Amino acid sequence: MHIIQRMMYGRYGTDQLSLFLLAIYVLFYLIAMFTGLIVFNWIGTVLILAGFFRMFSRNLERRRMENMKFLHLVKPITDWFRIRRAVHRDREHSYFKCPNCGQRLRVPRGKGKITITCRACGTAFQEKS
C-alpha cells in the first residue's frame, strides 16, 4: 500500500469524470462482448486510457476544470433524478410547479382542492392535493 501512495503522490487521482469514463468503458465492453463488434471495444479502450491518463496526471488544475465542466453538464440530469427520488419517497406531500416561474412547491397531501401561493413570485393557483 505504501508503494501505491508514493506513486500517486502529486497526481490527480479519481473524480466523477474518471468514474463515468470507467462506467462507459464497462458498458462498451459488454456491448462488444455480446455483439462481437470490435469498434465498441476500441472506443472502450480509448475511454479507459483517457480515464487512466486523468488519474495519473500531474496537471491538477486542468483536471479539476475538466471535472467542473463535466459536473456542470450533468447537473440537470442528476437534479432531475434527485427530485424524482424525493417525490417518490415523500408520501405525505404533493409537489406542484408554479405556472408563472416554474418553482417547485410542496403541499400536504389529502387536503382536497387548495389554493397554493408561490413563495418566489406570489402567483396563486388552485390544485387538488
N, C-alpha and C. Protein backbone atom coordinates (compact mmCIF):
# COMPACT_ATOMS: atom_id res chain seq x y z
N MET A 1 0.83 -1.19 0.00
CA MET A 1 0.00 0.00 0.00
C MET A 1 0.87 1.25 0.00
N HIS A 2 1.99 1.20 0.70
CA HIS A 2 2.87 2.35 0.77
C HIS A 2 3.43 2.70 -0.62
N ILE A 3 3.67 1.69 -1.44
CA ILE A 3 4.20 1.92 -2.79
C ILE A 3 3.18 2.67 -3.64
N ILE A 4 1.92 2.28 -3.54
CA ILE A 4 0.86 2.94 -4.31
C ILE A 4 0.70 4.38 -3.86
N GLN A 5 0.78 4.64 -2.55
CA GLN A 5 0.67 6.00 -2.05
C GLN A 5 1.80 6.87 -2.57
N ARG A 6 3.01 6.33 -2.57
CA ARG A 6 4.15 7.10 -3.09
C ARG A 6 4.00 7.35 -4.59
N MET A 7 3.49 6.36 -5.32
CA MET A 7 3.33 6.53 -6.76
C MET A 7 2.28 7.60 -7.08
N MET A 8 1.21 7.65 -6.29
CA MET A 8 0.12 8.60 -6.56
C MET A 8 0.37 9.99 -5.98
N TYR A 9 1.43 10.18 -5.24
CA TYR A 9 1.72 11.48 -4.64
C TYR A 9 1.91 12.53 -5.74
N GLY A 10 1.14 13.62 -5.65
CA GLY A 10 1.23 14.68 -6.64
C GLY A 10 0.44 14.44 -7.91
N ARG A 11 -0.28 13.35 -7.95
CA ARG A 11 -1.11 13.04 -9.13
C ARG A 11 -2.57 13.32 -8.81
N TYR A 12 -3.38 13.40 -9.84
CA TYR A 12 -4.77 13.85 -9.67
C TYR A 12 -5.65 12.81 -8.98
N GLY A 13 -5.60 11.57 -9.36
CA GLY A 13 -6.45 10.55 -8.75
C GLY A 13 -7.81 10.46 -9.44
N THR A 14 -8.78 9.91 -8.74
CA THR A 14 -10.10 9.71 -9.34
C THR A 14 -11.04 10.86 -9.00
N ASP A 15 -11.97 11.09 -9.88
CA ASP A 15 -13.05 12.04 -9.66
C ASP A 15 -14.28 11.53 -10.39
N GLN A 16 -15.34 12.33 -10.45
CA GLN A 16 -16.59 11.88 -11.04
C GLN A 16 -16.44 11.59 -12.54
N LEU A 17 -15.67 12.41 -13.25
CA LEU A 17 -15.48 12.18 -14.68
C LEU A 17 -14.73 10.88 -14.94
N SER A 18 -13.71 10.60 -14.15
CA SER A 18 -12.95 9.35 -14.31
C SER A 18 -13.84 8.14 -14.04
N LEU A 19 -14.67 8.22 -13.01
CA LEU A 19 -15.58 7.11 -12.72
C LEU A 19 -16.63 6.94 -13.82
N PHE A 20 -17.08 8.06 -14.39
CA PHE A 20 -18.02 7.99 -15.50
C PHE A 20 -17.37 7.33 -16.72
N LEU A 21 -16.13 7.69 -17.01
CA LEU A 21 -15.41 7.07 -18.12
C LEU A 21 -15.24 5.57 -17.89
N LEU A 22 -14.98 5.18 -16.66
CA LEU A 22 -14.86 3.76 -16.33
C LEU A 22 -16.18 3.03 -16.53
N ALA A 23 -17.29 3.65 -16.12
CA ALA A 23 -18.60 3.02 -16.29
C ALA A 23 -18.96 2.89 -17.78
N ILE A 24 -18.66 3.90 -18.57
CA ILE A 24 -18.94 3.84 -20.01
C ILE A 24 -18.05 2.78 -20.67
N TYR A 25 -16.82 2.65 -20.19
CA TYR A 25 -15.94 1.61 -20.71
C TYR A 25 -16.55 0.23 -20.48
N VAL A 26 -17.04 -0.02 -19.27
CA VAL A 26 -17.65 -1.31 -18.95
C VAL A 26 -18.86 -1.56 -19.85
N LEU A 27 -19.67 -0.51 -20.05
CA LEU A 27 -20.84 -0.64 -20.93
C LEU A 27 -20.43 -1.00 -22.35
N PHE A 28 -19.44 -0.29 -22.90
CA PHE A 28 -18.98 -0.58 -24.25
C PHE A 28 -18.33 -1.96 -24.34
N TYR A 29 -17.64 -2.37 -23.30
CA TYR A 29 -17.04 -3.70 -23.29
C TYR A 29 -18.12 -4.78 -23.35
N LEU A 30 -19.18 -4.59 -22.57
CA LEU A 30 -20.27 -5.57 -22.60
C LEU A 30 -20.96 -5.59 -23.96
N ILE A 31 -21.18 -4.42 -24.56
CA ILE A 31 -21.78 -4.36 -25.89
C ILE A 31 -20.89 -5.08 -26.89
N ALA A 32 -19.58 -4.84 -26.83
CA ALA A 32 -18.65 -5.50 -27.76
C ALA A 32 -18.65 -7.01 -27.55
N MET A 33 -18.76 -7.43 -26.29
CA MET A 33 -18.75 -8.85 -25.99
C MET A 33 -19.99 -9.55 -26.54
N PHE A 34 -21.16 -8.91 -26.41
CA PHE A 34 -22.40 -9.54 -26.85
C PHE A 34 -22.65 -9.40 -28.34
N THR A 35 -22.22 -8.30 -28.95
CA THR A 35 -22.49 -8.10 -30.37
C THR A 35 -21.34 -8.58 -31.25
N GLY A 36 -20.14 -8.62 -30.70
CA GLY A 36 -19.00 -9.04 -31.50
C GLY A 36 -18.44 -7.92 -32.36
N LEU A 37 -18.93 -6.70 -32.20
CA LEU A 37 -18.43 -5.57 -32.98
C LEU A 37 -17.17 -5.01 -32.31
N ILE A 38 -16.08 -5.03 -33.04
CA ILE A 38 -14.79 -4.62 -32.49
C ILE A 38 -14.71 -3.12 -32.26
N VAL A 39 -15.55 -2.33 -32.94
CA VAL A 39 -15.50 -0.88 -32.80
C VAL A 39 -15.84 -0.45 -31.37
N PHE A 40 -16.77 -1.14 -30.73
CA PHE A 40 -17.10 -0.82 -29.34
C PHE A 40 -15.93 -1.12 -28.40
N ASN A 41 -15.20 -2.16 -28.73
CA ASN A 41 -14.01 -2.50 -27.94
C ASN A 41 -12.96 -1.40 -28.05
N TRP A 42 -12.75 -0.87 -29.26
CA TRP A 42 -11.78 0.20 -29.47
C TRP A 42 -12.21 1.48 -28.77
N ILE A 43 -13.48 1.82 -28.87
CA ILE A 43 -13.97 3.02 -28.19
C ILE A 43 -13.81 2.88 -26.68
N GLY A 44 -14.13 1.71 -26.15
CA GLY A 44 -13.96 1.47 -24.73
C GLY A 44 -12.51 1.57 -24.30
N THR A 45 -11.60 1.08 -25.13
CA THR A 45 -10.17 1.16 -24.82
C THR A 45 -9.71 2.62 -24.77
N VAL A 46 -10.18 3.43 -25.71
CA VAL A 46 -9.83 4.85 -25.70
C VAL A 46 -10.36 5.52 -24.43
N LEU A 47 -11.58 5.17 -24.03
CA LEU A 47 -12.17 5.77 -22.84
C LEU A 47 -11.41 5.38 -21.57
N ILE A 48 -11.03 4.12 -21.44
CA ILE A 48 -10.31 3.69 -20.24
C ILE A 48 -8.91 4.30 -20.20
N LEU A 49 -8.28 4.46 -21.37
CA LEU A 49 -6.97 5.12 -21.40
C LEU A 49 -7.09 6.59 -21.02
N ALA A 50 -8.16 7.25 -21.45
CA ALA A 50 -8.38 8.64 -21.06
C ALA A 50 -8.60 8.74 -19.55
N GLY A 51 -9.31 7.79 -18.98
CA GLY A 51 -9.52 7.77 -17.54
C GLY A 51 -8.22 7.58 -16.78
N PHE A 52 -7.37 6.66 -17.25
CA PHE A 52 -6.08 6.44 -16.59
C PHE A 52 -5.17 7.66 -16.75
N PHE A 53 -5.20 8.28 -17.93
CA PHE A 53 -4.42 9.50 -18.14
C PHE A 53 -4.83 10.57 -17.13
N ARG A 54 -6.15 10.72 -16.93
CA ARG A 54 -6.63 11.71 -15.97
C ARG A 54 -6.19 11.37 -14.54
N MET A 55 -6.25 10.09 -14.17
CA MET A 55 -5.88 9.69 -12.80
C MET A 55 -4.40 9.91 -12.51
N PHE A 56 -3.53 9.67 -13.49
CA PHE A 56 -2.10 9.77 -13.27
C PHE A 56 -1.52 11.13 -13.67
N SER A 57 -2.37 12.06 -14.06
CA SER A 57 -1.91 13.37 -14.49
C SER A 57 -1.39 14.18 -13.31
N ARG A 58 -0.39 15.00 -13.57
CA ARG A 58 0.13 15.92 -12.56
C ARG A 58 -0.40 17.34 -12.77
N ASN A 59 -1.15 17.56 -13.83
CA ASN A 59 -1.74 18.87 -14.10
C ASN A 59 -3.08 18.95 -13.36
N LEU A 60 -3.01 19.23 -12.07
CA LEU A 60 -4.19 19.16 -11.20
C LEU A 60 -5.25 20.18 -11.58
N GLU A 61 -4.83 21.40 -11.88
CA GLU A 61 -5.81 22.45 -12.17
C GLU A 61 -6.60 22.15 -13.44
N ARG A 62 -5.94 21.66 -14.44
CA ARG A 62 -6.64 21.34 -15.70
C ARG A 62 -7.64 20.19 -15.50
N ARG A 63 -7.25 19.17 -14.73
CA ARG A 63 -8.17 18.06 -14.46
C ARG A 63 -9.36 18.52 -13.63
N ARG A 64 -9.13 19.43 -12.68
CA ARG A 64 -10.25 19.98 -11.89
C ARG A 64 -11.23 20.74 -12.78
N MET A 65 -10.69 21.52 -13.70
CA MET A 65 -11.55 22.28 -14.62
C MET A 65 -12.36 21.34 -15.52
N GLU A 66 -11.73 20.27 -16.00
CA GLU A 66 -12.46 19.29 -16.81
C GLU A 66 -13.59 18.67 -16.01
N ASN A 67 -13.32 18.33 -14.75
CA ASN A 67 -14.34 17.72 -13.90
C ASN A 67 -15.46 18.72 -13.62
N MET A 68 -15.12 19.99 -13.38
CA MET A 68 -16.13 21.02 -13.14
C MET A 68 -17.05 21.17 -14.37
N LYS A 69 -16.48 21.17 -15.56
CA LYS A 69 -17.29 21.26 -16.77
C LYS A 69 -18.20 20.05 -16.91
N PHE A 70 -17.68 18.87 -16.60
CA PHE A 70 -18.49 17.65 -16.66
C PHE A 70 -19.64 17.73 -15.67
N LEU A 71 -19.36 18.13 -14.43
CA LEU A 71 -20.41 18.24 -13.42
C LEU A 71 -21.45 19.28 -13.80
N HIS A 72 -21.01 20.39 -14.39
CA HIS A 72 -21.94 21.41 -14.85
C HIS A 72 -22.84 20.87 -15.97
N LEU A 73 -22.28 20.02 -16.81
CA LEU A 73 -23.03 19.45 -17.93
C LEU A 73 -24.08 18.45 -17.45
N VAL A 74 -23.76 17.63 -16.45
CA VAL A 74 -24.67 16.58 -16.00
C VAL A 74 -25.57 17.02 -14.84
N LYS A 75 -25.39 18.24 -14.34
CA LYS A 75 -26.19 18.72 -13.20
C LYS A 75 -27.69 18.67 -13.46
N PRO A 76 -28.20 19.12 -14.62
CA PRO A 76 -29.65 19.00 -14.84
C PRO A 76 -30.16 17.56 -14.78
N ILE A 77 -29.38 16.63 -15.26
CA ILE A 77 -29.79 15.22 -15.25
C ILE A 77 -29.82 14.69 -13.83
N THR A 78 -28.76 14.96 -13.05
CA THR A 78 -28.72 14.47 -11.67
C THR A 78 -29.78 15.15 -10.81
N ASP A 79 -30.03 16.44 -11.05
CA ASP A 79 -31.08 17.13 -10.30
C ASP A 79 -32.45 16.53 -10.60
N TRP A 80 -32.71 16.20 -11.86
CA TRP A 80 -33.99 15.61 -12.24
C TRP A 80 -34.19 14.28 -11.50
N PHE A 81 -33.15 13.43 -11.47
CA PHE A 81 -33.26 12.15 -10.77
C PHE A 81 -33.41 12.36 -9.26
N ARG A 82 -32.71 13.33 -8.70
CA ARG A 82 -32.80 13.59 -7.27
C ARG A 82 -34.20 14.05 -6.88
N ILE A 83 -34.80 14.92 -7.70
CA ILE A 83 -36.16 15.39 -7.43
C ILE A 83 -37.16 14.25 -7.56
N ARG A 84 -37.02 13.44 -8.59
CA ARG A 84 -37.92 12.29 -8.77
C ARG A 84 -37.84 11.34 -7.58
N ARG A 85 -36.63 11.09 -7.08
CA ARG A 85 -36.46 10.20 -5.94
C ARG A 85 -37.10 10.79 -4.69
N ALA A 86 -36.94 12.10 -4.49
CA ALA A 86 -37.54 12.75 -3.31
C ALA A 86 -39.06 12.70 -3.39
N VAL A 87 -39.63 12.97 -4.55
CA VAL A 87 -41.07 12.93 -4.73
C VAL A 87 -41.59 11.52 -4.50
N HIS A 88 -40.88 10.53 -5.00
CA HIS A 88 -41.31 9.14 -4.85
C HIS A 88 -41.28 8.69 -3.39
N ARG A 89 -40.28 9.14 -2.64
CA ARG A 89 -40.15 8.73 -1.24
C ARG A 89 -41.12 9.47 -0.32
N ASP A 90 -41.51 10.68 -0.68
CA ASP A 90 -42.34 11.51 0.20
C ASP A 90 -43.81 11.21 -0.03
N ARG A 91 -44.41 10.45 0.89
CA ARG A 91 -45.81 10.06 0.77
C ARG A 91 -46.75 11.05 1.45
N GLU A 92 -46.20 12.00 2.20
CA GLU A 92 -47.04 12.93 2.95
C GLU A 92 -47.30 14.24 2.22
N HIS A 93 -46.62 14.48 1.09
CA HIS A 93 -46.76 15.74 0.39
C HIS A 93 -46.98 15.52 -1.10
N SER A 94 -47.62 16.52 -1.73
CA SER A 94 -47.75 16.56 -3.18
C SER A 94 -46.86 17.68 -3.69
N TYR A 95 -46.35 17.53 -4.87
CA TYR A 95 -45.44 18.52 -5.45
C TYR A 95 -46.09 19.12 -6.68
N PHE A 96 -46.00 20.45 -6.79
CA PHE A 96 -46.55 21.17 -7.94
C PHE A 96 -45.51 22.16 -8.45
N LYS A 97 -45.66 22.54 -9.69
CA LYS A 97 -44.79 23.53 -10.30
C LYS A 97 -45.59 24.80 -10.51
N CYS A 98 -45.01 25.93 -10.14
CA CYS A 98 -45.68 27.22 -10.31
C CYS A 98 -45.84 27.49 -11.81
N PRO A 99 -47.05 27.84 -12.27
CA PRO A 99 -47.26 28.09 -13.69
C PRO A 99 -46.56 29.37 -14.18
N ASN A 100 -46.20 30.25 -13.26
CA ASN A 100 -45.59 31.52 -13.66
C ASN A 100 -44.07 31.43 -13.72
N CYS A 101 -43.44 30.96 -12.64
CA CYS A 101 -41.98 30.99 -12.58
C CYS A 101 -41.33 29.61 -12.63
N GLY A 102 -42.11 28.52 -12.46
CA GLY A 102 -41.55 27.17 -12.54
C GLY A 102 -40.99 26.66 -11.22
N GLN A 103 -41.13 27.43 -10.15
CA GLN A 103 -40.66 26.99 -8.83
C GLN A 103 -41.41 25.74 -8.38
N ARG A 104 -40.67 24.78 -7.77
CA ARG A 104 -41.31 23.57 -7.24
C ARG A 104 -41.87 23.87 -5.86
N LEU A 105 -43.14 23.49 -5.67
CA LEU A 105 -43.83 23.77 -4.41
C LEU A 105 -44.31 22.46 -3.80
N ARG A 106 -44.20 22.35 -2.47
CA ARG A 106 -44.60 21.16 -1.75
C ARG A 106 -45.77 21.52 -0.84
N VAL A 107 -46.85 20.75 -0.93
CA VAL A 107 -48.03 20.99 -0.11
C VAL A 107 -48.45 19.66 0.53
N PRO A 108 -49.16 19.73 1.69
CA PRO A 108 -49.61 18.49 2.33
C PRO A 108 -50.60 17.74 1.44
N ARG A 109 -50.50 16.44 1.46
CA ARG A 109 -51.37 15.59 0.65
C ARG A 109 -52.69 15.37 1.38
N GLY A 110 -53.78 15.19 0.62
CA GLY A 110 -55.07 14.83 1.17
C GLY A 110 -55.88 15.98 1.73
N LYS A 111 -55.62 17.21 1.32
CA LYS A 111 -56.37 18.37 1.82
C LYS A 111 -57.47 18.80 0.86
N GLY A 112 -57.66 18.08 -0.22
CA GLY A 112 -58.68 18.45 -1.20
C GLY A 112 -58.18 19.54 -2.12
N LYS A 113 -59.10 20.33 -2.66
CA LYS A 113 -58.74 21.41 -3.57
C LYS A 113 -58.28 22.61 -2.74
N ILE A 114 -57.04 23.05 -2.94
CA ILE A 114 -56.48 24.14 -2.15
C ILE A 114 -55.89 25.20 -3.05
N THR A 115 -55.76 26.40 -2.52
CA THR A 115 -55.10 27.49 -3.23
C THR A 115 -53.64 27.52 -2.79
N ILE A 116 -52.75 27.43 -3.76
CA ILE A 116 -51.31 27.42 -3.49
C ILE A 116 -50.75 28.76 -3.94
N THR A 117 -49.96 29.38 -3.07
CA THR A 117 -49.31 30.64 -3.39
C THR A 117 -47.82 30.39 -3.49
N CYS A 118 -47.25 30.78 -4.61
CA CYS A 118 -45.83 30.59 -4.84
C CYS A 118 -45.04 31.57 -3.96
N ARG A 119 -44.02 31.06 -3.29
CA ARG A 119 -43.19 31.93 -2.46
C ARG A 119 -42.28 32.82 -3.28
N ALA A 120 -41.90 32.36 -4.44
CA ALA A 120 -40.94 33.11 -5.24
C ALA A 120 -41.57 34.30 -5.95
N CYS A 121 -42.74 34.08 -6.58
CA CYS A 121 -43.32 35.15 -7.39
C CYS A 121 -44.68 35.63 -6.87
N GLY A 122 -45.28 34.92 -5.93
CA GLY A 122 -46.56 35.35 -5.36
C GLY A 122 -47.79 34.95 -6.15
N THR A 123 -47.64 34.18 -7.21
CA THR A 123 -48.76 33.73 -8.01
C THR A 123 -49.59 32.71 -7.22
N ALA A 124 -50.91 32.86 -7.25
CA ALA A 124 -51.81 31.93 -6.57
C ALA A 124 -52.53 31.09 -7.62
N PHE A 125 -52.62 29.79 -7.37
CA PHE A 125 -53.33 28.89 -8.27
C PHE A 125 -53.93 27.76 -7.45
N GLN A 126 -54.95 27.12 -8.01
CA GLN A 126 -55.65 26.06 -7.30
C GLN A 126 -55.26 24.71 -7.86
N GLU A 127 -55.05 23.77 -6.96
CA GLU A 127 -54.74 22.39 -7.32
C GLU A 127 -55.40 21.46 -6.31
N LYS A 128 -55.52 20.20 -6.71
CA LYS A 128 -56.06 19.19 -5.79
C LYS A 128 -54.88 18.44 -5.17
N SER A 129 -54.82 18.47 -3.86
CA SER A 129 -53.71 17.79 -3.18
C SER A 129 -54.18 16.38 -2.87
